[in-house]
Amino acid sequence: MQLVVFDMDGTLAESKQEMDTEMSNLLTKLLKAKKVAVISGGKYGQFEKQFLGSLNKEANLNNLFLFPTCSTSFYKYNKEKISWECIYSLDLTKEEKKQIFEAFEKTFKETNYKHPETLYGEVLEDRQTQITMSALGQNAPVELKKEWDPNQEKRRKLKAVLDKYLKDFEVRMGGTTSIDVSRKGIDKAYGINKIEEILRIKKEEMIFIGDALYEGGNDYPVKKTGVKCVEVKGPDDTMREIRKILWKF
């Protein structure tokens, strides 16, 4: 195994929360032995705040690869410039964004969906390469997010209608309250294929660790790539999996 691929929210950290010190230290050790990629529904700015900002300063960034917004973009560390370089970004057009926003509004109306009385930030966010619905708002407390749709029932209902209006797009459930929309064929499986293409690492040499490998979840597309997948229920599970990998070295 050459590379370990992680989801972020619900895997490396709680939803939109910074990684804790123990996770950061384990990843630092892992980066000495393996290449690591992170594919998440969050935009690059969220990666900076939630992941890079809490990563141990001794971490080998040359072995780290970032795929924000479900791999609709890819960032690689440039050691000469001492900064993160965007390798590609599949931005949605104005027309595509308009179609997606209108589809959400039609879906809310058709399903008689009522937004919660208290919202914590934007419900529909333009992430340039992806449009994301966060049911309670982008900044909702973790505890409330976990309680809102624990069995994905509310989002499955919304997704079923969105699929009807957005046949030319990918519609996925992410995190605990989110629905992500990007261009057709662009999902975490796309990210796995780009890793193989750009980094020259075969799928048999990868392992994916994530919490949304259920059907309809934004980690689910990875299963069809043939990459070995490990499902976790949270950061504690993930740390156990990292330790298992480290014990072999």
Protein backbone atom coordinates (compact mmCIF):
# COMPACT_ATOMS: atom_id res chain seq x y z
CA MET A 1 0.00 0.00 0.00
CA GLN A 2 1.44 3.34 -1.09
CA LEU A 3 -1.36 5.78 -0.37
CA VAL A 4 -4.13 6.27 2.19
CA VAL A 5 -7.15 8.34 1.12
CA PHE A 6 -9.36 9.95 3.76
CA ASP A 7 -12.70 11.67 3.85
CA MET A 8 -12.62 14.64 6.24
CA ASP A 9 -15.92 15.46 8.00
CA GLY A 10 -16.94 12.58 10.24
CA THR A 11 -13.66 10.82 9.48
CA LEU A 12 -10.64 12.98 10.33
CA ALA A 13 -12.67 15.47 12.37
CA GLU A 14 -16.21 16.23 13.42
CA SER A 15 -18.25 18.19 10.89
CA LYS A 16 -16.49 21.49 10.13
CA GLN A 17 -14.41 21.20 13.30
CA GLU A 18 -10.61 21.30 13.46
CA MET A 19 -8.70 18.05 13.87
CA ASP A 20 -7.58 17.34 17.41
CA THR A 21 -3.92 17.02 18.39
CA GLU A 22 -3.96 13.23 18.55
CA MET A 23 -5.24 12.93 14.98
CA SER A 24 -2.72 15.50 13.77
CA ASN A 25 0.16 13.61 15.37
CA LEU A 26 -0.96 10.29 13.90
CA LEU A 27 -1.21 11.82 10.43
CA THR A 28 2.27 13.29 10.82
CA LYS A 29 3.61 9.81 11.52
CA LEU A 30 1.64 8.37 8.62
CA LEU A 31 3.00 11.01 6.23
CA LYS A 32 6.52 9.86 7.00
CA ALA A 33 5.71 6.35 5.76
CA LYS A 34 2.94 6.84 3.18
CA LYS A 35 1.41 9.29 0.77
CA VAL A 36 -1.92 10.68 1.98
CA ALA A 37 -4.85 12.21 0.10
CA VAL A 38 -7.93 13.90 1.54
CA ILE A 39 -11.14 14.10 -0.52
CA SER A 40 -13.93 16.11 1.07
CA GLY A 41 -17.07 18.03 0.14
CA GLY A 42 -15.65 21.18 1.75
CA LYS A 43 -14.08 23.94 -0.35
CA TYR A 44 -10.34 24.70 -0.20
CA GLY A 45 -10.86 27.47 2.37
CA GLN A 46 -12.44 24.90 4.67
CA PHE A 47 -9.41 22.63 4.20
CA GLU A 48 -7.15 25.51 5.28
CA LYS A 49 -9.20 26.22 8.38
CA GLN A 50 -10.16 22.71 9.43
CA PHE A 51 -7.28 20.54 8.25
CA LEU A 52 -4.09 22.41 7.33
CA GLY A 53 -4.49 24.85 10.21
CA SER A 54 -4.41 22.05 12.78
CA LEU A 55 -1.88 19.79 11.06
CA ASN A 56 1.42 19.28 12.89
CA LYS A 57 4.06 21.70 11.55
CA GLU A 58 6.49 18.79 11.12
CA ALA A 59 4.19 16.96 8.69
CA ASN A 60 5.72 16.02 5.33
CA LEU A 61 3.53 18.11 3.01
CA ASN A 62 5.22 16.66 -0.07
CA ASN A 63 3.36 13.42 0.64
CA LEU A 64 -0.02 15.16 1.08
CA PHE A 65 -2.62 15.76 -1.67
CA LEU A 66 -5.88 17.66 -1.26
CA PHE A 67 -9.11 17.21 -3.25
CA PRO A 68 -11.71 19.78 -2.09
CA THR A 69 -15.40 19.78 -3.07
CA CYS A 70 -15.53 16.04 -3.79
CA SER A 71 -12.45 16.16 -6.07
CA THR A 72 -13.79 18.89 -8.35
CA SER A 73 -10.44 20.54 -7.57
CA PHE A 74 -6.95 19.29 -6.68
CA TYR A 75 -4.17 20.98 -4.67
CA LYS A 76 -0.56 19.84 -4.41
CA TYR A 77 2.20 21.31 -2.25
CA ASN A 78 4.88 23.23 -4.16
CA LYS A 79 8.02 23.04 -2.05
CA GLU A 80 9.85 25.62 -4.18
CA LYS A 81 7.11 28.23 -3.68
CA ILE A 82 6.31 26.95 -0.16
CA SER A 83 2.60 27.08 -0.97
CA TRP A 84 -0.32 24.98 -2.17
CA GLU A 85 -0.79 24.93 -5.94
CA CYS A 86 -4.12 24.34 -7.66
CA ILE A 87 -3.60 21.64 -10.30
CA TYR A 88 -7.16 21.81 -11.63
CA SER A 89 -10.52 23.35 -10.73
CA LEU A 90 -13.71 22.34 -12.55
CA ASP A 91 -15.72 25.52 -11.95
CA LEU A 92 -19.42 25.54 -12.67
CA THR A 93 -20.69 28.09 -15.21
CA LYS A 94 -23.22 30.78 -14.30
CA GLU A 95 -25.85 28.86 -16.26
CA GLU A 96 -25.10 25.62 -14.43
CA LYS A 97 -25.27 27.33 -11.05
CA LYS A 98 -28.60 28.97 -11.95
CA GLN A 99 -30.03 25.60 -12.96
CA ILE A 100 -28.91 23.99 -9.69
CA PHE A 101 -30.27 26.77 -7.46
CA GLU A 102 -33.61 26.67 -9.29
CA ALA A 103 -33.74 22.88 -8.89
CA PHE A 104 -33.32 23.20 -5.13
CA GLU A 105 -36.15 25.74 -4.94
CA LYS A 106 -38.42 23.50 -7.03
CA THR A 107 -37.53 20.55 -4.82
CA PHE A 108 -38.29 22.43 -1.60
CA LYS A 109 -41.69 23.40 -3.00
CA GLU A 110 -42.54 19.97 -4.42
CA THR A 111 -41.66 18.14 -1.19
CA ASN A 112 -43.23 20.81 1.07
CA TYR A 113 -39.86 21.12 2.73
CA LYS A 114 -39.71 23.67 5.52
CA HIS A 115 -36.40 25.15 6.57
CA PRO A 116 -35.71 24.99 10.33
CA GLU A 117 -36.74 28.14 12.20
CA THR A 118 -33.18 28.73 13.38
CA LEU A 119 -30.47 28.71 10.74
CA TYR A 120 -26.72 29.06 11.22
CA GLY A 121 -25.46 30.69 8.05
CA GLU A 122 -26.20 29.99 4.39
CA VAL A 123 -28.36 27.01 3.45
CA LEU A 124 -27.28 26.98 -0.21
CA GLU A 125 -23.60 27.78 -0.75
CA ASP A 126 -21.80 28.39 -4.03
CA ARG A 127 -18.46 26.60 -3.71
CA GLN A 128 -17.53 27.47 -7.31
CA THR A 129 -17.06 23.86 -8.41
CA GLN A 130 -20.01 22.58 -6.39
CA ILE A 131 -23.27 23.84 -4.88
CA THR A 132 -23.91 22.57 -1.37
CA MET A 133 -27.06 22.57 0.70
CA SER A 134 -26.47 22.60 4.45
CA ALA A 135 -29.90 22.11 5.99
CA LEU A 136 -29.19 23.96 9.25
CA GLY A 137 -26.79 26.46 7.70
CA GLN A 138 -23.06 26.28 7.08
CA ASN A 139 -22.09 27.01 10.70
CA ALA A 140 -24.56 24.88 12.65
CA PRO A 141 -23.37 23.24 15.91
CA VAL A 142 -22.19 19.64 15.50
CA GLU A 143 -24.69 18.30 18.05
CA LEU A 144 -27.67 19.75 16.16
CA LYS A 145 -26.35 18.49 12.82
CA LYS A 146 -26.05 14.93 14.13
CA GLU A 147 -29.64 14.99 15.36
CA TRP A 148 -31.23 16.46 12.24
CA ASP A 149 -31.06 13.50 9.81
CA PRO A 150 -29.31 10.53 11.45
CA ASN A 151 -30.80 7.96 9.04
CA GLN A 152 -30.53 10.15 5.90
CA GLU A 153 -34.31 9.93 5.45
CA LYS A 154 -34.89 13.66 4.99
CA ARG A 155 -32.07 14.02 2.48
CA ARG A 156 -33.00 10.87 0.56
CA LYS A 157 -36.43 12.40 -0.06
CA LEU A 158 -34.89 15.66 -1.29
CA LYS A 159 -32.28 13.86 -3.38
CA ALA A 160 -34.91 11.75 -5.15
CA VAL A 161 -36.60 14.90 -6.44
CA LEU A 162 -33.34 16.74 -7.18
CA ASP A 163 -32.23 13.78 -9.31
CA LYS A 164 -35.29 14.38 -11.47
CA TYR A 165 -34.44 18.02 -12.07
CA LEU A 166 -30.67 17.59 -12.30
CA LYS A 167 -30.21 14.58 -14.56
CA ASP A 168 -27.03 16.06 -16.02
CA PHE A 169 -25.40 16.56 -12.60
CA GLU A 170 -24.12 14.48 -9.70
CA VAL A 171 -26.26 14.78 -6.56
CA ARG A 172 -24.79 13.31 -3.36
CA MET A 173 -25.47 13.35 0.36
CA GLY A 174 -22.45 14.51 2.36
CA GLY A 175 -21.59 15.03 6.00
CA THR A 176 -24.59 15.01 8.35
CA THR A 177 -26.91 17.64 6.84
CA SER A 178 -25.53 18.30 3.35
CA ILE A 179 -26.42 17.60 -0.25
CA ASP A 180 -23.69 18.33 -2.81
CA VAL A 181 -24.21 18.96 -6.53
CA SER A 182 -21.44 19.00 -9.13
CA ARG A 183 -21.04 18.14 -12.80
CA LYS A 184 -21.97 14.66 -13.99
CA GLY A 185 -19.22 12.14 -13.44
CA ILE A 186 -17.34 14.33 -10.95
CA ASP A 187 -17.34 12.63 -7.56
CA LYS A 188 -14.88 10.94 -5.23
CA ALA A 189 -14.41 8.12 -7.74
CA TYR A 190 -13.21 10.80 -10.16
CA GLY A 191 -10.68 11.84 -7.52
CA ILE A 192 -9.41 8.27 -7.17
CA ASN A 193 -8.94 8.09 -10.94
CA LYS A 194 -7.07 11.42 -10.95
CA ILE A 195 -4.77 10.13 -8.21
CA GLU A 196 -3.97 7.11 -10.36
CA GLU A 197 -3.44 9.31 -13.43
CA ILE A 198 -1.42 12.16 -11.89
CA LEU A 199 0.43 10.43 -9.04
CA ARG A 200 0.94 7.16 -10.92
CA ILE A 201 -0.32 5.08 -8.01
CA LYS A 202 -2.38 2.01 -8.88
CA LYS A 203 -5.76 1.49 -7.22
CA GLU A 204 -4.52 -1.77 -5.71
CA GLU A 205 -1.96 0.34 -3.82
CA MET A 206 -4.60 2.57 -2.20
CA ILE A 207 -6.98 2.31 0.73
CA PHE A 208 -9.93 4.64 1.35
CA ILE A 209 -11.25 5.49 4.83
CA GLY A 210 -14.58 7.30 5.20
CA ASP A 211 -17.85 7.51 7.09
CA ALA A 212 -20.31 7.92 4.18
CA LEU A 213 -19.82 4.70 2.22
CA TYR A 214 -23.55 3.92 2.39
CA GLU A 215 -25.51 4.07 -0.87
CA GLY A 216 -26.14 7.71 -1.75
CA GLY A 217 -23.35 8.95 0.53
CA ASN A 218 -20.59 11.06 -0.99
CA ASP A 219 -17.99 8.36 -0.21
CA TYR A 220 -20.05 5.64 -1.91
CA PRO A 221 -18.69 6.25 -5.47
CA VAL A 222 -15.23 5.12 -4.30
CA LYS A 223 -16.55 1.56 -3.97
CA LYS A 224 -17.02 1.23 -7.73
CA THR A 225 -13.32 1.99 -8.35
CA GLY A 226 -12.22 -1.28 -6.75
CA VAL A 227 -10.15 0.51 -4.10
CA LYS A 228 -10.22 -1.19 -0.70
CA CYS A 229 -12.66 0.76 1.51
CA VAL A 230 -12.86 0.94 5.29
CA GLU A 231 -16.00 2.42 6.83
CA VAL A 232 -15.66 4.36 10.08
CA LYS A 233 -18.17 5.95 12.42
CA GLY A 234 -16.03 8.88 13.45
CA PRO A 235 -12.51 10.18 14.18
CA ASP A 236 -11.90 7.64 16.96
CA ASP A 237 -12.46 4.77 14.51
CA THR A 238 -10.16 6.50 12.02
CA MET A 239 -7.36 6.82 14.55
CA ARG A 240 -7.62 3.09 15.24
CA GLU A 241 -7.28 2.39 11.51
CA ILE A 242 -4.24 4.68 11.23
CA ARG A 243 -2.60 2.91 14.15
CA LYS A 244 -3.18 -0.44 12.44
CA ILE A 245 -1.35 0.86 9.37
CA LEU A 246 1.50 2.32 11.44
CA TRP A 247 1.95 -0.90 13.43
CA LYS A 248 3.04 -2.63 10.22
CA PHE A 249 6.09 -0.35 9.93
